[in-house]
Amino acid sequence: MGATGTPIVCGGVIVRSGDLIVADDDGVAVIPQDRVDEVIERVNAIIEKERRIAEAVRAGAHIADLIGMSEAIAAASASK
């Protein structure tokens, strides 16, 4: 018979009791219990950055400029 409260492996990822599981249409993430605060901080920073980018795009900015890809896109276009 199996045990409870012991780590398991699911999809090649170790999942421990207390870990958070987050899922959406794009996939599933396991957040180790001891890293929840760090992950929340990073997620909030990403959300804020995406909000600023979306606001700038609505104001007329080009997304390639905002994410630092203008030069790479221009170089790729020139080499065709």
C-alpha atoms as a PDB file:
ATOM      1  CA  MET A   1       0.000   0.000   0.000  1.00  0.00           C
ATOM      2  CA  GLY A   2       1.173   3.556  -0.711  1.00  0.00           C
ATOM      3  CA  ALA A   3       2.198   6.193   1.787  1.00  0.00           C
ATOM      4  CA  THR A   4       0.859   9.705   2.267  1.00  0.00           C
ATOM      5  CA  GLY A   5       2.903  12.867   2.688  1.00  0.00           C
ATOM      6  CA  THR A   6       5.865  11.516   0.745  1.00  0.00           C
ATOM      7  CA  PRO A   7       7.308  13.142  -2.396  1.00  0.00           C
ATOM      8  CA  ILE A   8       6.137  11.863  -5.774  1.00  0.00           C
ATOM      9  CA  VAL A   9       7.415  12.376  -9.294  1.00  0.00           C
ATOM     10  CA  CYS A  10       4.904  13.625 -11.841  1.00  0.00           C
ATOM     11  CA  GLY A  11       6.022  14.400 -15.379  1.00  0.00           C
ATOM     12  CA  GLY A  12       9.632  14.256 -14.240  1.00  0.00           C
ATOM     13  CA  VAL A  13       9.066  16.862 -11.499  1.00  0.00           C
ATOM     14  CA  ILE A  14       9.304  16.133  -7.787  1.00  0.00           C
ATOM     15  CA  VAL A  15       6.132  17.206  -5.969  1.00  0.00           C
ATOM     16  CA  ARG A  16       6.181  17.387  -2.187  1.00  0.00           C
ATOM     17  CA  SER A  17       3.397  17.786   0.325  1.00  0.00           C
ATOM     18  CA  GLY A  18       2.689  21.523   0.673  1.00  0.00           C
ATOM     19  CA  ASP A  19       3.875  22.487  -2.810  1.00  0.00           C
ATOM     20  CA  LEU A  20       1.530  24.660  -4.841  1.00  0.00           C
ATOM     21  CA  ILE A  21       0.256  23.440  -8.183  1.00  0.00           C
ATOM     22  CA  VAL A  22      -0.760  26.138 -10.674  1.00  0.00           C
ATOM     23  CA  ALA A  23      -2.342  25.233 -14.011  1.00  0.00           C
ATOM     24  CA  ASP A  24      -3.899  26.999 -16.971  1.00  0.00           C
ATOM     25  CA  ASP A  25      -4.382  26.423 -20.693  1.00  0.00           C
ATOM     26  CA  ASP A  26      -0.615  26.737 -21.226  1.00  0.00           C
ATOM     27  CA  GLY A  27       0.499  24.117 -18.746  1.00  0.00           C
ATOM     28  CA  VAL A  28       1.171  23.210 -15.136  1.00  0.00           C
ATOM     29  CA  ALA A  29       3.758  24.544 -12.695  1.00  0.00           C
ATOM     30  CA  VAL A  30       4.845  23.148  -9.349  1.00  0.00           C
ATOM     31  CA  ILE A  31       5.935  25.814  -6.885  1.00  0.00           C
ATOM     32  CA  PRO A  32       7.936  24.436  -3.969  1.00  0.00           C
ATOM     33  CA  GLN A  33       6.471  25.567  -0.666  1.00  0.00           C
ATOM     34  CA  ASP A  34       9.743  27.223   0.390  1.00  0.00           C
ATOM     35  CA  ARG A  35       9.843  29.386  -2.786  1.00  0.00           C
ATOM     36  CA  VAL A  36       6.244  30.661  -2.864  1.00  0.00           C
ATOM     37  CA  ASP A  37       7.127  34.198  -1.700  1.00  0.00           C
ATOM     38  CA  GLU A  38       9.947  34.484  -4.262  1.00  0.00           C
ATOM     39  CA  VAL A  39       7.698  33.246  -7.068  1.00  0.00           C
ATOM     40  CA  ILE A  40       4.927  35.677  -6.098  1.00  0.00           C
ATOM     41  CA  GLU A  41       7.418  38.581  -6.204  1.00  0.00           C
ATOM     42  CA  ARG A  42       8.671  37.529  -9.644  1.00  0.00           C
ATOM     43  CA  VAL A  43       5.154  37.039 -10.996  1.00  0.00           C
ATOM     44  CA  ASN A  44       4.094  40.464  -9.747  1.00  0.00           C
ATOM     45  CA  ALA A  45       7.155  42.043 -11.401  1.00  0.00           C
ATOM     46  CA  ILE A  46       6.313  40.310 -14.699  1.00  0.00           C
ATOM     47  CA  ILE A  47       2.684  41.419 -14.495  1.00  0.00           C
ATOM     48  CA  GLU A  48       3.769  45.027 -13.917  1.00  0.00           C
ATOM     49  CA  LYS A  49       6.276  44.925 -16.791  1.00  0.00           C
ATOM     50  CA  GLU A  50       3.634  43.493 -19.137  1.00  0.00           C
ATOM     51  CA  ARG A  51       1.171  46.177 -17.993  1.00  0.00           C
ATOM     52  CA  ARG A  52       3.692  48.930 -18.821  1.00  0.00           C
ATOM     53  CA  ILE A  53       4.436  47.388 -22.226  1.00  0.00           C
ATOM     54  CA  ALA A  54       0.727  47.081 -23.060  1.00  0.00           C
ATOM     55  CA  GLU A  55       0.162  50.694 -22.019  1.00  0.00           C
ATOM     56  CA  ALA A  56       3.051  51.873 -24.208  1.00  0.00           C
ATOM     57  CA  VAL A  57       1.774  49.855 -27.193  1.00  0.00           C
ATOM     58  CA  ARG A  58      -1.673  51.400 -26.775  1.00  0.00           C
ATOM     59  CA  ALA A  59       0.061  54.796 -26.816  1.00  0.00           C
ATOM     60  CA  GLY A  60       1.686  53.942 -30.157  1.00  0.00           C
ATOM     61  CA  ALA A  61       5.039  52.392 -29.272  1.00  0.00           C
ATOM     62  CA  HIS A  62       6.308  49.403 -31.241  1.00  0.00           C
ATOM     63  CA  ILE A  63       6.623  46.264 -29.149  1.00  0.00           C
ATOM     64  CA  ALA A  64       9.964  45.360 -30.753  1.00  0.00           C
ATOM     65  CA  ASP A  65      11.404  48.632 -29.432  1.00  0.00           C
ATOM     66  CA  LEU A  66       9.988  48.019 -25.968  1.00  0.00           C
ATOM     67  CA  ILE A  67      11.480  44.547 -25.616  1.00  0.00           C
ATOM     68  CA  GLY A  68      14.831  45.430 -27.186  1.00  0.00           C
ATOM     69  CA  MET A  69      14.378  43.442 -30.396  1.00  0.00           C
ATOM     70  CA  SER A  70      14.355  46.215 -33.028  1.00  0.00           C
ATOM     71  CA  GLU A  71      18.001  45.760 -34.018  1.00  0.00           C
ATOM     72  CA  ALA A  72      17.736  41.962 -34.219  1.00  0.00           C
ATOM     73  CA  ILE A  73      14.608  42.181 -36.368  1.00  0.00           C
ATOM     74  CA  ALA A  74      16.222  44.757 -38.654  1.00  0.00           C
ATOM     75  CA  ALA A  75      19.340  42.592 -39.006  1.00  0.00           C
ATOM     76  CA  ALA A  76      17.285  39.486 -39.782  1.00  0.00           C
ATOM     77  CA  SER A  77      15.236  41.392 -42.358  1.00  0.00           C
ATOM     78  CA  ALA A  78      18.353  42.809 -44.001  1.00  0.00           C
ATOM     79  CA  SER A  79      19.916  39.362 -44.408  1.00  0.00           C
ATOM     80  CA  LYS A  80      16.988  38.008 -46.435  1.00  0.00           C
END
